[in-house]
Amino acid sequence: MTRFRALLSTLALVTLTLPATVAHAQTGITMSPVVVNIDPNRTLSGQTSFTNGTGSTVDFAVNVQVWSQKDGQNVLADTRDVLVNPSSFQLSPGSTQVIRIGLRKKPGATELTYRLLIAQRNQGNVVTTSQGLAVQVLPTFSLPIYISAEGYKPVVAYGVTRDGKDLVLTATNTGSKHQTYNNLTVSSGTLSFQVPSQAILAGSSFSVRLPDFAAASAPLKLSYQDYTQVQRTETVPLP
């Protein structure tokens, strides 16, 4: 069988996961922490560690990109704002590598946001496609880096519009810091909809379609875990 290499971006895995340590069950790699928060008034550096829980030696390449959002989509671009060391490394079974991050700039009126990208270059899982091809899946781990000082905070406003049988919920962050929506559930009476975890960066917004919610008669209730890991409930009136 012909073998191809496929790059699988696993942004959703670590973008919004809040526990201090996360093990990727499919790869045997443990990351700690999975979110890098840096207060530039205290330090201009941060770090995370990777541990190889597999039985094979694994190679990685490391890169940092600036992270923004446009029209509800994540946008990554090259940057020289952040230094990372090492830029590549090899992990033998059971070993740990510390990845250090150094800042070249401080935030202004709003939080700075980046993604730390660690691309696995070998020893990927092999899956078989519907065409019978063996594909080696090489994950790219993407960890958020948030640079903000004390006093920065999100300010989120909500809007709801009707579209046929559905409602469209829009959240807009006009604050100076990101807001995180982990395990977000939107409900109204007997209606309930689970929304994939989201982060709304400062100055950004996202919209989610709520199927069949046009029949709702009670205000929407949002239940989620925010960026401080506090469980919150908010009520949004219907249009």
Protein backbone atom coordinates (compact mmCIF):
# COMPACT_ATOMS: atom_id res chain seq x y z
CA MET A 1 0.00 0.00 0.00
CA THR A 2 1.26 3.49 -0.81
CA ARG A 3 2.03 5.53 2.28
CA PHE A 4 1.47 9.28 2.38
CA ARG A 5 2.19 11.78 5.10
CA ALA A 6 -0.69 13.99 6.13
CA LEU A 7 -0.39 16.93 8.47
CA LEU A 8 -3.26 17.04 10.96
CA SER A 9 -3.64 20.40 12.71
CA THR A 10 -4.94 19.78 16.24
CA LEU A 11 -5.73 23.39 17.18
CA ALA A 12 -8.93 22.47 18.94
CA LEU A 13 -7.08 20.09 21.24
CA VAL A 14 -5.12 22.72 23.11
CA THR A 15 -6.63 26.02 22.10
CA LEU A 16 -9.11 26.12 24.91
CA THR A 17 -8.24 23.25 27.21
CA LEU A 18 -7.73 24.72 30.65
CA PRO A 19 -6.23 22.01 32.89
CA ALA A 20 -2.56 22.64 33.66
CA THR A 21 -1.50 19.35 32.09
CA VAL A 22 -2.96 17.58 29.08
CA ALA A 23 -2.01 14.22 27.59
CA HIS A 24 -2.80 13.67 23.92
CA ALA A 25 -4.13 10.12 24.04
CA GLN A 26 -3.53 9.49 20.34
CA THR A 27 0.15 10.45 20.41
CA GLY A 28 1.25 9.76 24.00
CA ILE A 29 2.59 13.32 24.35
CA THR A 30 1.98 15.26 27.59
CA MET A 31 2.03 19.09 27.62
CA SER A 32 2.24 21.30 30.70
CA PRO A 33 0.98 23.99 30.75
CA VAL A 34 -1.22 24.06 27.65
CA VAL A 35 -1.90 27.81 27.90
CA VAL A 36 0.99 30.26 28.33
CA ASN A 37 -0.03 33.43 30.21
CA ILE A 38 2.59 36.17 30.57
CA ASP A 39 2.25 39.39 32.57
CA PRO A 40 4.84 41.74 30.97
CA ASN A 41 5.02 43.83 34.15
CA ARG A 42 6.47 40.80 35.93
CA THR A 43 8.36 38.89 33.25
CA LEU A 44 9.03 38.81 29.51
CA SER A 45 9.37 35.06 29.30
CA GLY A 46 7.37 31.88 29.70
CA GLN A 47 7.71 28.17 29.12
CA THR A 48 5.95 24.87 28.60
CA SER A 49 7.17 21.28 28.65
CA PHE A 50 6.63 18.27 26.41
CA THR A 51 6.97 14.71 27.71
CA ASN A 52 7.19 11.69 25.43
CA GLY A 53 5.05 8.87 26.78
CA THR A 54 5.47 6.70 23.70
CA GLY A 55 7.95 3.91 23.11
CA SER A 56 9.62 5.69 20.16
CA THR A 57 11.92 8.66 19.68
CA VAL A 58 9.94 11.61 18.29
CA ASP A 59 11.21 14.69 16.42
CA PHE A 60 9.54 18.12 16.66
CA ALA A 61 9.85 21.52 14.97
CA VAL A 62 8.80 24.64 16.90
CA ASN A 63 7.46 27.95 15.59
CA VAL A 64 5.56 30.98 16.94
CA GLN A 65 2.99 32.92 14.94
CA VAL A 66 0.93 35.98 15.76
CA TRP A 67 -2.73 35.10 16.28
CA SER A 68 -5.70 37.25 15.32
CA GLN A 69 -9.32 36.66 14.36
CA LYS A 70 -11.23 37.92 11.33
CA ASP A 71 -14.87 37.22 10.52
CA GLY A 72 -14.97 34.65 13.29
CA GLN A 73 -11.98 32.72 11.94
CA ASN A 74 -8.51 32.28 13.43
CA VAL A 75 -5.72 33.92 11.41
CA LEU A 76 -2.03 33.08 11.91
CA ALA A 77 0.90 35.04 10.47
CA ASP A 78 4.67 35.04 10.79
CA THR A 79 6.13 37.25 13.51
CA ARG A 80 9.46 38.31 15.00
CA ASP A 81 7.87 39.48 18.25
CA VAL A 82 8.62 36.23 20.08
CA LEU A 83 11.79 34.18 20.43
CA VAL A 84 11.51 30.44 21.03
CA ASN A 85 14.15 27.98 22.19
CA PRO A 86 14.70 25.31 20.98
CA SER A 87 13.42 25.64 17.41
CA SER A 88 13.58 21.87 17.04
CA PHE A 89 14.19 18.95 19.37
CA GLN A 90 14.15 15.18 19.67
CA LEU A 91 12.45 13.33 22.51
CA SER A 92 13.47 9.82 23.47
CA PRO A 93 10.88 7.65 25.26
CA GLY A 94 10.09 8.99 28.73
CA SER A 95 12.10 12.20 28.31
CA THR A 96 10.92 15.83 28.71
CA GLN A 97 11.81 18.97 26.77
CA VAL A 98 11.23 22.49 28.14
CA ILE A 99 10.30 25.06 25.46
CA ARG A 100 11.15 28.64 26.45
CA ILE A 101 9.50 31.74 25.07
CA GLY A 102 10.97 35.27 25.13
CA LEU A 103 9.09 38.46 24.23
CA ARG A 104 10.51 41.27 22.13
CA LYS A 105 7.61 43.68 22.70
CA LYS A 106 5.04 44.63 25.32
CA PRO A 107 1.29 45.03 24.75
CA GLY A 108 -0.28 48.44 24.29
CA ALA A 109 -3.94 49.04 25.01
CA THR A 110 -4.92 45.43 24.28
CA GLU A 111 -3.61 41.95 24.92
CA LEU A 112 -1.07 40.41 22.52
CA THR A 113 -1.90 36.90 21.31
CA TYR A 114 0.28 34.27 19.65
CA ARG A 115 0.26 30.54 18.93
CA LEU A 116 3.12 28.23 19.84
CA LEU A 117 3.15 25.56 17.11
CA ILE A 118 4.96 22.27 17.77
CA ALA A 119 4.90 20.05 14.69
CA GLN A 120 5.60 16.35 15.05
CA ARG A 121 7.89 15.22 12.21
CA ASN A 122 7.94 11.43 12.57
CA GLN A 123 6.30 8.46 14.33
CA GLY A 124 2.78 9.55 13.44
CA ASN A 125 -0.25 7.28 13.69
CA VAL A 126 -1.09 5.40 10.50
CA VAL A 127 -4.73 5.36 9.41
CA THR A 128 -6.36 3.82 6.34
CA THR A 129 -8.48 6.00 4.07
CA SER A 130 -11.70 4.90 2.37
CA GLN A 131 -9.60 4.40 -0.79
CA GLY A 132 -7.39 1.90 1.04
CA LEU A 133 -4.38 4.21 1.34
CA ALA A 134 -2.21 4.16 4.46
CA VAL A 135 -1.80 7.73 5.72
CA GLN A 136 0.63 8.78 8.42
CA VAL A 137 -0.96 11.49 10.57
CA LEU A 138 1.55 13.95 12.00
CA PRO A 139 -0.14 16.30 14.50
CA THR A 140 0.73 19.94 15.06
CA PHE A 141 0.10 21.00 18.66
CA SER A 142 -1.01 24.62 18.95
CA LEU A 143 -0.76 26.34 22.34
CA PRO A 144 -2.12 29.86 22.90
CA ILE A 145 0.19 32.55 24.29
CA TYR A 146 -1.56 35.49 25.99
CA ILE A 147 0.40 38.63 26.88
CA SER A 148 -1.54 40.99 29.13
CA ALA A 149 -1.02 42.91 32.36
CA GLU A 150 -3.26 43.15 35.39
CA GLY A 151 -6.34 45.24 34.64
CA TYR A 152 -6.88 43.92 31.13
CA LYS A 153 -10.33 42.35 30.87
CA PRO A 154 -12.86 41.13 28.28
CA VAL A 155 -16.09 43.04 27.66
CA VAL A 156 -18.51 40.87 25.68
CA ALA A 157 -21.89 41.90 24.28
CA TYR A 158 -24.40 39.48 22.75
CA GLY A 159 -26.87 39.79 19.92
CA VAL A 160 -29.47 37.39 18.54
CA THR A 161 -31.04 37.37 15.09
CA ARG A 162 -33.62 35.08 13.47
CA ASP A 163 -32.91 33.07 10.33
CA GLY A 164 -35.77 30.78 9.32
CA LYS A 165 -36.12 28.04 11.94
CA ASP A 166 -32.79 28.97 13.53
CA LEU A 167 -31.38 31.67 15.76
CA VAL A 168 -27.91 33.15 15.26
CA LEU A 169 -26.07 34.15 18.43
CA THR A 170 -23.22 36.66 18.04
CA ALA A 171 -20.72 37.54 20.77
CA THR A 172 -18.51 40.63 20.35
CA ASN A 173 -15.55 41.37 22.60
CA THR A 174 -14.82 45.10 22.86
CA GLY A 175 -12.54 44.67 25.87
CA SER A 176 -8.76 44.53 26.16
CA LYS A 177 -8.41 40.79 26.85
CA HIS A 178 -9.68 37.51 25.39
CA GLN A 179 -12.66 35.65 26.76
CA THR A 180 -12.83 31.86 26.74
CA TYR A 181 -15.97 29.79 26.33
CA ASN A 182 -15.18 26.24 27.40
CA ASN A 183 -17.96 23.64 27.45
CA LEU A 184 -20.43 26.24 26.21
CA THR A 185 -24.08 25.20 26.32
CA VAL A 186 -26.87 27.42 24.97
CA SER A 187 -30.37 26.55 26.15
CA SER A 188 -33.92 27.85 26.21
CA GLY A 189 -36.63 25.85 27.87
CA THR A 190 -36.35 22.28 26.54
CA LEU A 191 -33.97 23.33 23.74
CA SER A 192 -30.24 22.83 24.24
CA PHE A 193 -27.19 23.14 21.98
CA GLN A 194 -23.55 22.32 22.76
CA VAL A 195 -21.11 24.76 21.16
CA PRO A 196 -17.46 23.84 20.49
CA SER A 197 -15.08 25.67 22.81
CA GLN A 198 -14.20 29.16 21.62
CA ALA A 199 -11.84 31.98 22.49
CA ILE A 200 -12.87 35.50 21.47
CA LEU A 201 -9.84 37.77 21.22
CA ALA A 202 -10.00 41.47 22.06
CA GLY A 203 -11.74 43.36 19.26
CA SER A 204 -13.14 40.17 17.71
CA SER A 205 -16.45 38.36 17.52
CA PHE A 206 -17.92 34.99 16.63
CA SER A 207 -21.36 33.75 15.64
CA VAL A 208 -23.01 30.40 16.16
CA ARG A 209 -26.14 29.06 14.53
CA LEU A 210 -28.66 27.49 16.92
CA PRO A 211 -30.72 24.95 14.95
CA ASP A 212 -34.51 25.08 15.49
CA PHE A 213 -34.17 27.71 18.23
CA ALA A 214 -36.58 30.09 16.45
CA ALA A 215 -39.33 28.26 18.36
CA ALA A 216 -37.79 29.31 21.67
CA SER A 217 -40.03 31.44 23.90
CA ALA A 218 -37.67 31.96 26.84
CA PRO A 219 -34.41 33.97 26.85
CA LEU A 220 -31.23 32.12 25.92
CA LYS A 221 -29.12 30.84 28.79
CA LEU A 222 -25.37 30.56 28.23
CA SER A 223 -23.41 28.28 30.53
CA TYR A 224 -19.63 28.09 30.14
CA GLN A 225 -16.23 28.15 31.82
CA ASP A 226 -14.40 31.46 31.31
CA TYR A 227 -10.69 32.28 30.96
CA THR A 228 -10.24 32.19 34.76
CA GLN A 229 -11.78 28.67 34.84
CA VAL A 230 -14.86 30.01 36.62
CA GLN A 231 -18.22 28.54 35.62
CA ARG A 232 -20.55 31.31 34.44
CA THR A 233 -24.18 31.61 33.39
CA GLU A 234 -25.52 34.52 31.32
CA THR A 235 -28.97 35.33 29.98
CA VAL A 236 -29.48 36.77 26.49
CA PRO A 237 -32.92 38.15 25.50
CA LEU A 238 -34.63 36.98 22.32
CA PRO A 239 -35.20 39.45 19.48
